[in-house]
Amino acid sequence: MPRSVPAKATSEPASYEEALAELDQLLQAMEGGQLPLDRLLESYQRGSQLLTFCRGRLKAVEDQIQVLEEGQLKPWTSE
């Protein structure tokens, strides 16, 4: 009988920061070397989903900045 995938493993994170936190937890668990092979594979797949989500969010922000700066990216200042 196939195991069910936890809801968290298929849901989209609420934010970029949430995705990074979950990705960090997955990496720590994977690097610990104590996960069974099937759980390791699930963690890798979820990590890939999270990475794709984060890249998409960063690209969207970059696109918004280009629009706000009239198509020209300017160096970020914290002022």
PDB file of N, CA and C in Angstrom:
ATOM      1  N   MET A   1       0.852  -1.175   0.000  1.00  0.00           N
ATOM      2  CA  MET A   1       0.000   0.000   0.000  1.00  0.00           C
ATOM      3  C   MET A   1       0.897   1.238   0.000  1.00  0.00           C
ATOM      4  N   PRO A   2       0.686   2.208  -0.946  1.00  0.00           N
ATOM      5  CA  PRO A   2       1.528   3.403  -0.993  1.00  0.00           C
ATOM      6  C   PRO A   2       1.279   4.310   0.198  1.00  0.00           C
ATOM      7  N   ARG A   3       2.368   4.938   0.643  1.00  0.00           N
ATOM      8  CA  ARG A   3       2.258   5.872   1.765  1.00  0.00           C
ATOM      9  C   ARG A   3       1.697   7.187   1.261  1.00  0.00           C
ATOM     10  N   SER A   4       0.944   7.850   2.110  1.00  0.00           N
ATOM     11  CA  SER A   4       0.425   9.152   1.720  1.00  0.00           C
ATOM     12  C   SER A   4       1.512  10.197   1.929  1.00  0.00           C
ATOM     13  N   VAL A   5       1.514  11.189   1.073  1.00  0.00           N
ATOM     14  CA  VAL A   5       2.476  12.281   1.160  1.00  0.00           C
ATOM     15  C   VAL A   5       1.899  13.324   2.104  1.00  0.00           C
ATOM     16  N   PRO A   6       2.678  13.791   3.077  1.00  0.00           N
ATOM     17  CA  PRO A   6       2.177  14.812   3.989  1.00  0.00           C
ATOM     18  C   PRO A   6       1.697  16.041   3.226  1.00  0.00           C
ATOM     19  N   ALA A   7       0.650  16.690   3.739  1.00  0.00           N
ATOM     20  CA  ALA A   7       0.082  17.862   3.072  1.00  0.00           C
ATOM     21  C   ALA A   7       1.128  18.948   2.865  1.00  0.00           C
ATOM     22  N   LYS A   8       2.010  19.130   3.847  1.00  0.00           N
ATOM     23  CA  LYS A   8       3.044  20.164   3.744  1.00  0.00           C
ATOM     24  C   LYS A   8       3.947  19.920   2.539  1.00  0.00           C
ATOM     25  N   ALA A   9       4.157  18.652   2.188  1.00  0.00           N
ATOM     26  CA  ALA A   9       5.057  18.305   1.095  1.00  0.00           C
ATOM     27  C   ALA A   9       4.474  18.661  -0.271  1.00  0.00           C
ATOM     28  N   THR A  10       3.168  18.880  -0.340  1.00  0.00           N
ATOM     29  CA  THR A  10       2.565  19.207  -1.626  1.00  0.00           C
ATOM     30  C   THR A  10       2.023  20.629  -1.669  1.00  0.00           C
ATOM     31  N   SER A  11       1.980  21.304  -0.545  1.00  0.00           N
ATOM     32  CA  SER A  11       1.411  22.646  -0.512  1.00  0.00           C
ATOM     33  C   SER A  11       2.475  23.690  -0.833  1.00  0.00           C
ATOM     34  N   GLU A  12       2.007  24.800  -1.390  1.00  0.00           N
ATOM     35  CA  GLU A  12       2.917  25.905  -1.691  1.00  0.00           C
ATOM     36  C   GLU A  12       3.134  26.714  -0.415  1.00  0.00           C
ATOM     37  N   PRO A  13       4.355  27.111  -0.159  1.00  0.00           N
ATOM     38  CA  PRO A  13       4.625  27.919   1.035  1.00  0.00           C
ATOM     39  C   PRO A  13       3.875  29.247   0.983  1.00  0.00           C
ATOM     40  N   ALA A  14       3.602  29.803   2.149  1.00  0.00           N
ATOM     41  CA  ALA A  14       2.892  31.076   2.227  1.00  0.00           C
ATOM     42  C   ALA A  14       3.783  32.245   1.822  1.00  0.00           C
ATOM     43  N   SER A  15       5.092  32.080   1.979  1.00  0.00           N
ATOM     44  CA  SER A  15       6.005  33.178   1.678  1.00  0.00           C
ATOM     45  C   SER A  15       7.377  32.635   1.310  1.00  0.00           C
ATOM     46  N   TYR A  16       8.192  33.526   0.779  1.00  0.00           N
ATOM     47  CA  TYR A  16       9.578  33.198   0.447  1.00  0.00           C
ATOM     48  C   TYR A  16      10.329  32.771   1.709  1.00  0.00           C
ATOM     49  N   GLU A  17      10.105  33.517   2.789  1.00  0.00           N
ATOM     50  CA  GLU A  17      10.802  33.227   4.048  1.00  0.00           C
ATOM     51  C   GLU A  17      10.401  31.869   4.610  1.00  0.00           C
ATOM     52  N   GLU A  18       9.120  31.523   4.487  1.00  0.00           N
ATOM     53  CA  GLU A  18       8.656  30.209   4.945  1.00  0.00           C
ATOM     54  C   GLU A  18       9.305  29.096   4.119  1.00  0.00           C
ATOM     55  N   ALA A  19       9.408  29.319   2.829  1.00  0.00           N
ATOM     56  CA  ALA A  19      10.037  28.331   1.952  1.00  0.00           C
ATOM     57  C   ALA A  19      11.506  28.136   2.325  1.00  0.00           C
ATOM     58  N   LEU A  20      12.215  29.230   2.591  1.00  0.00           N
ATOM     59  CA  LEU A  20      13.625  29.124   2.987  1.00  0.00           C
ATOM     60  C   LEU A  20      13.779  28.375   4.306  1.00  0.00           C
ATOM     61  N   ALA A  21      12.890  28.647   5.258  1.00  0.00           N
ATOM     62  CA  ALA A  21      12.960  27.974   6.556  1.00  0.00           C
ATOM     63  C   ALA A  21      12.719  26.480   6.396  1.00  0.00           C
ATOM     64  N   GLU A  22      11.730  26.115   5.594  1.00  0.00           N
ATOM     65  CA  GLU A  22      11.460  24.688   5.372  1.00  0.00           C
ATOM     66  C   GLU A  22      12.615  24.028   4.633  1.00  0.00           C
ATOM     67  N   LEU A  23      13.176  24.724   3.659  1.00  0.00           N
ATOM     68  CA  LEU A  23      14.318  24.193   2.921  1.00  0.00           C
ATOM     69  C   LEU A  23      15.505  23.968   3.848  1.00  0.00           C
ATOM     70  N   ASP A  24      15.736  24.900   4.757  1.00  0.00           N
ATOM     71  CA  ASP A  24      16.816  24.761   5.730  1.00  0.00           C
ATOM     72  C   ASP A  24      16.601  23.531   6.618  1.00  0.00           C
ATOM     73  N   GLN A  25      15.364  23.320   7.064  1.00  0.00           N
ATOM     74  CA  GLN A  25      15.050  22.145   7.892  1.00  0.00           C
ATOM     75  C   GLN A  25      15.292  20.850   7.125  1.00  0.00           C
ATOM     76  N   LEU A  26      14.885  20.845   5.862  1.00  0.00           N
ATOM     77  CA  LEU A  26      15.093  19.654   5.031  1.00  0.00           C
ATOM     78  C   LEU A  26      16.582  19.363   4.864  1.00  0.00           C
ATOM     79  N   LEU A  27      17.351  20.394   4.591  1.00  0.00           N
ATOM     80  CA  LEU A  27      18.796  20.214   4.400  1.00  0.00           C
ATOM     81  C   LEU A  27      19.461  19.677   5.665  1.00  0.00           C
ATOM     82  N   GLN A  28      19.072  20.196   6.807  1.00  0.00           N
ATOM     83  CA  GLN A  28      19.644  19.720   8.062  1.00  0.00           C
ATOM     84  C   GLN A  28      19.312  18.245   8.283  1.00  0.00           C
ATOM     85  N   ALA A  29      18.074  17.866   8.006  1.00  0.00           N
ATOM     86  CA  ALA A  29      17.664  16.470   8.172  1.00  0.00           C
ATOM     87  C   ALA A  29      18.411  15.553   7.197  1.00  0.00           C
ATOM     88  N   MET A  30      18.569  16.014   5.961  1.00  0.00           N
ATOM     89  CA  MET A  30      19.247  15.211   4.952  1.00  0.00           C
ATOM     90  C   MET A  30      20.733  15.069   5.277  1.00  0.00           C
ATOM     91  N   GLU A  31      21.341  16.163   5.741  1.00  0.00           N
ATOM     92  CA  GLU A  31      22.763  16.125   6.061  1.00  0.00           C
ATOM     93  C   GLU A  31      23.037  15.299   7.312  1.00  0.00           C
ATOM     94  N   GLY A  32      22.024  15.100   8.146  1.00  0.00           N
ATOM     95  CA  GLY A  32      22.181  14.300   9.352  1.00  0.00           C
ATOM     96  C   GLY A  32      22.447  12.834   9.058  1.00  0.00           C
ATOM     97  N   GLY A  33      22.074  12.401   7.869  1.00  0.00           N
ATOM     98  CA  GLY A  33      22.352  11.031   7.461  1.00  0.00           C
ATOM     99  C   GLY A  33      21.504   9.976   8.140  1.00  0.00           C
ATOM    100  N   GLN A  34      20.433  10.353   8.804  1.00  0.00           N
ATOM    101  CA  GLN A  34      19.623   9.397   9.539  1.00  0.00           C
ATOM    102  C   GLN A  34      18.288   9.098   8.868  1.00  0.00           C
ATOM    103  N   LEU A  35      18.019   9.682   7.715  1.00  0.00           N
ATOM    104  CA  LEU A  35      16.750   9.462   7.036  1.00  0.00           C
ATOM    105  C   LEU A  35      16.786   8.156   6.243  1.00  0.00           C
ATOM    106  N   PRO A  36      15.689   7.390   6.270  1.00  0.00           N
ATOM    107  CA  PRO A  36      15.616   6.221   5.393  1.00  0.00           C
ATOM    108  C   PRO A  36      15.577   6.680   3.932  1.00  0.00           C
ATOM    109  N   LEU A  37      15.931   5.806   3.033  1.00  0.00           N
ATOM    110  CA  LEU A  37      16.076   6.154   1.625  1.00  0.00           C
ATOM    111  C   LEU A  37      14.809   6.764   1.035  1.00  0.00           C
ATOM    112  N   ASP A  38      13.634   6.212   1.322  1.00  0.00           N
ATOM    113  CA  ASP A  38      12.409   6.755   0.742  1.00  0.00           C
ATOM    114  C   ASP A  38      12.121   8.165   1.275  1.00  0.00           C
ATOM    115  N   ARG A  39      12.398   8.401   2.543  1.00  0.00           N
ATOM    116  CA  ARG A  39      12.200   9.736   3.132  1.00  0.00           C
ATOM    117  C   ARG A  39      13.227  10.718   2.572  1.00  0.00           C
ATOM    118  N   LEU A  40      14.429  10.237   2.297  1.00  0.00           N
ATOM    119  CA  LEU A  40      15.462  11.069   1.693  1.00  0.00           C
ATOM    120  C   LEU A  40      15.028  11.537   0.298  1.00  0.00           C
ATOM    121  N   LEU A  41      14.461  10.622  -0.464  1.00  0.00           N
ATOM    122  CA  LEU A  41      13.976  10.962  -1.797  1.00  0.00           C
ATOM    123  C   LEU A  41      12.832  11.972  -1.715  1.00  0.00           C
ATOM    124  N   GLU A  42      11.899  11.778  -0.797  1.00  0.00           N
ATOM    125  CA  GLU A  42      10.796  12.724  -0.610  1.00  0.00           C
ATOM    126  C   GLU A  42      11.336  14.104  -0.229  1.00  0.00           C
ATOM    127  N   SER A  43      12.333  14.126   0.625  1.00  0.00           N
ATOM    128  CA  SER A  43      12.922  15.395   1.057  1.00  0.00           C
ATOM    129  C   SER A  43      13.607  16.097  -0.107  1.00  0.00           C
ATOM    130  N   TYR A  44      14.289  15.327  -0.930  1.00  0.00           N
ATOM    131  CA  TYR A  44      14.951  15.895  -2.100  1.00  0.00           C
ATOM    132  C   TYR A  44      13.918  16.500  -3.056  1.00  0.00           C
ATOM    133  N   GLN A  45      12.830  15.769  -3.292  1.00  0.00           N
ATOM    134  CA  GLN A  45      11.779  16.267  -4.183  1.00  0.00           C
ATOM    135  C   GLN A  45      11.146  17.536  -3.627  1.00  0.00           C
ATOM    136  N   ARG A  46      10.864  17.550  -2.328  1.00  0.00           N
ATOM    137  CA  ARG A  46      10.277  18.737  -1.711  1.00  0.00           C
ATOM    138  C   ARG A  46      11.260  19.909  -1.781  1.00  0.00           C
ATOM    139  N   GLY A  47      12.531  19.639  -1.550  1.00  0.00           N
ATOM    140  CA  GLY A  47      13.545  20.678  -1.650  1.00  0.00           C
ATOM    141  C   GLY A  47      13.588  21.275  -3.047  1.00  0.00           C
ATOM    142  N   SER A  48      13.446  20.442  -4.044  1.00  0.00           N
ATOM    143  CA  SER A  48      13.422  20.916  -5.431  1.00  0.00           C
ATOM    144  C   SER A  48      12.212  21.812  -5.670  1.00  0.00           C
ATOM    145  N   GLN A  49      11.058  21.433  -5.125  1.00  0.00           N
ATOM    146  CA  GLN A  49       9.855  22.263  -5.248  1.00  0.00           C
ATOM    147  C   GLN A  49      10.059  23.622  -4.569  1.00  0.00           C
ATOM    148  N   LEU A  50      10.646  23.595  -3.388  1.00  0.00           N
ATOM    149  CA  LEU A  50      10.879  24.832  -2.643  1.00  0.00           C
ATOM    150  C   LEU A  50      11.864  25.743  -3.370  1.00  0.00           C
ATOM    151  N   LEU A  51      12.892  25.147  -3.932  1.00  0.00           N
ATOM    152  CA  LEU A  51      13.878  25.923  -4.679  1.00  0.00           C
ATOM    153  C   LEU A  51      13.244  26.582  -5.898  1.00  0.00           C
ATOM    154  N   THR A  52      12.397  25.855  -6.601  1.00  0.00           N
ATOM    155  CA  THR A  52      11.684  26.411  -7.746  1.00  0.00           C
ATOM    156  C   THR A  52      10.781  27.557  -7.310  1.00  0.00           C
ATOM    157  N   PHE A  53      10.094  27.384  -6.177  1.00  0.00           N
ATOM    158  CA  PHE A  53       9.233  28.434  -5.634  1.00  0.00           C
ATOM    159  C   PHE A  53      10.051  29.687  -5.327  1.00  0.00           C
ATOM    160  N   CYS A  54      11.183  29.519  -4.643  1.00  0.00           N
ATOM    161  CA  CYS A  54      12.030  30.660  -4.269  1.00  0.00           C
ATOM    162  C   CYS A  54      12.573  31.376  -5.502  1.00  0.00           C
ATOM    163  N   ARG A  55      13.018  30.620  -6.473  1.00  0.00           N
ATOM    164  CA  ARG A  55      13.524  31.238  -7.705  1.00  0.00           C
ATOM    165  C   ARG A  55      12.431  32.030  -8.403  1.00  0.00           C
ATOM    166  N   GLY A  56      11.212  31.498  -8.404  1.00  0.00           N
ATOM    167  CA  GLY A  56      10.092  32.199  -9.011  1.00  0.00           C
ATOM    168  C   GLY A  56       9.785  33.505  -8.299  1.00  0.00           C
ATOM    169  N   ARG A  57       9.815  33.474  -6.964  1.00  0.00           N
ATOM    170  CA  ARG A  57       9.559  34.696  -6.194  1.00  0.00           C
ATOM    171  C   ARG A  57      10.637  35.743  -6.453  1.00  0.00           C
ATOM    172  N   LEU A  58      11.898  35.307  -6.477  1.00  0.00           N
ATOM    173  CA  LEU A  58      12.989  36.249  -6.735  1.00  0.00           C
ATOM    174  C   LEU A  58      12.882  36.856  -8.130  1.00  0.00           C
ATOM    175  N   LYS A  59      12.516  36.052  -9.103  1.00  0.00           N
ATOM    176  CA  LYS A  59      12.352  36.544 -10.475  1.00  0.00           C
ATOM    177  C   LYS A  59      11.216  37.550 -10.537  1.00  0.00           C
ATOM    178  N   ALA A  60      10.118  37.284  -9.841  1.00  0.00           N
ATOM    179  CA  ALA A  60       8.985  38.209  -9.837  1.00  0.00           C
ATOM    180  C   ALA A  60       9.378  39.549  -9.227  1.00  0.00           C
ATOM    181  N   VAL A  61      10.149  39.512  -8.156  1.00  0.00           N
ATOM    182  CA  VAL A  61      10.596  40.751  -7.524  1.00  0.00           C
ATOM    183  C   VAL A  61      11.539  41.512  -8.459  1.00  0.00           C
ATOM    184  N   GLU A  62      12.436  40.784  -9.090  1.00  0.00           N
ATOM    185  CA  GLU A  62      13.354  41.426 -10.035  1.00  0.00           C
ATOM    186  C   GLU A  62      12.581  42.089 -11.174  1.00  0.00           C
ATOM    187  N   ASP A  63      11.566  41.411 -11.686  1.00  0.00           N
ATOM    188  CA  ASP A  63      10.750  41.974 -12.759  1.00  0.00           C
ATOM    189  C   ASP A  63      10.026  43.235 -12.292  1.00  0.00           C
ATOM    190  N   GLN A  64       9.520  43.220 -11.066  1.00  0.00           N
ATOM    191  CA  GLN A  64       8.845  44.399 -10.525  1.00  0.00           C
ATOM    192  C   GLN A  64       9.808  45.569 -10.374  1.00  0.00           C
ATOM    193  N   ILE A  65      11.017  45.288  -9.939  1.00  0.00           N
ATOM    194  CA  ILE A  65      12.022  46.347  -9.791  1.00  0.00           C
ATOM    195  C   ILE A  65      12.341  46.953 -11.149  1.00  0.00           C
ATOM    196  N   GLN A  66      12.462  46.119 -12.168  1.00  0.00           N
ATOM    197  CA  GLN A  66      12.742  46.645 -13.506  1.00  0.00           C
ATOM    198  C   GLN A  66      11.630  47.570 -13.967  1.00  0.00           C
ATOM    199  N   VAL A  67      10.388  47.216 -13.693  1.00  0.00           N
ATOM    200  CA  VAL A  67       9.273  48.068 -14.071  1.00  0.00           C
ATOM    201  C   VAL A  67       9.326  49.368 -13.283  1.00  0.00           C
ATOM    202  N   LEU A  68       9.571  49.274 -11.985  1.00  0.00           N
ATOM    203  CA  LEU A  68       9.617  50.472 -11.150  1.00  0.00           C
ATOM    204  C   LEU A  68      10.759  51.397 -11.529  1.00  0.00           C
ATOM    205  N   GLU A  69      11.839  50.847 -11.989  1.00  0.00           N
ATOM    206  CA  GLU A  69      13.009  51.641 -12.370  1.00  0.00           C
ATOM    207  C   GLU A  69      13.014  51.923 -13.873  1.00  0.00           C
ATOM    208  N   GLU A  70      11.869  51.802 -14.512  1.00  0.00           N
ATOM    209  CA  GLU A  70      11.712  52.058 -15.940  1.00  0.00           C
ATOM    210  C   GLU A  70      12.661  51.233 -16.796  1.00  0.00           C
ATOM    211  N   GLY A  71      12.767  49.962 -16.451  1.00  0.00           N
ATOM    212  CA  GLY A  71      13.548  49.053 -17.243  1.00  0.00           C
ATOM    213  C   GLY A  71      15.035  49.045 -16.964  1.00  0.00           C
ATOM    214  N   GLN A  72      15.492  49.842 -16.015  1.00  0.00           N
ATOM    215  CA  GLN A  72      16.913  49.876 -15.721  1.00  0.00           C
ATOM    216  C   GLN A  72      17.128  49.471 -14.265  1.00  0.00           C
ATOM    217  N   LEU A  73      17.868  48.398 -14.096  1.00  0.00           N
ATOM    218  CA  LEU A  73      18.193  47.983 -12.735  1.00  0.00           C
ATOM    219  C   LEU A  73      19.254  48.920 -12.177  1.00  0.00           C
ATOM    220  N   LYS A  74      19.013  49.390 -10.989  1.00  0.00           N
ATOM    221  CA  LYS A  74      19.964  50.286 -10.333  1.00  0.00           C
ATOM    222  C   LYS A  74      20.505  49.601  -9.095  1.00  0.00           C
ATOM    223  N   PRO A  75      21.712  49.924  -8.685  1.00  0.00           N
ATOM    224  CA  PRO A  75      22.273  49.298  -7.478  1.00  0.00           C
ATOM    225  C   PRO A  75      21.378  49.533  -6.276  1.00  0.00           C
ATOM    226  N   TRP A  76      21.234  48.503  -5.431  1.00  0.00           N
ATOM    227  CA  TRP A  76      20.405  48.589  -4.238  1.00  0.00           C
ATOM    228  C   TRP A  76      21.110  49.394  -3.181  1.00  0.00           C
ATOM    229  N   THR A  77      20.404  50.344  -2.601  1.00  0.00           N
ATOM    230  CA  THR A  77      20.929  51.088  -1.469  1.00  0.00           C
ATOM    231  C   THR A  77      19.978  50.911  -0.312  1.00  0.00           C
ATOM    232  N   SER A  78      20.503  50.882   0.897  1.00  0.00           N
ATOM    233  CA  SER A  78      19.675  50.653   2.075  1.00  0.00           C
ATOM    234  C   SER A  78      19.176  51.958   2.686  1.00  0.00           C
ATOM    235  N   GLU A  79      19.307  53.028   1.969  1.00  0.00           N
ATOM    236  CA  GLU A  79      18.869  54.342   2.472  1.00  0.00           C
ATOM    237  C   GLU A  79      17.396  54.528   2.345  1.00  0.00           C
TER     238      GLU A  79
END
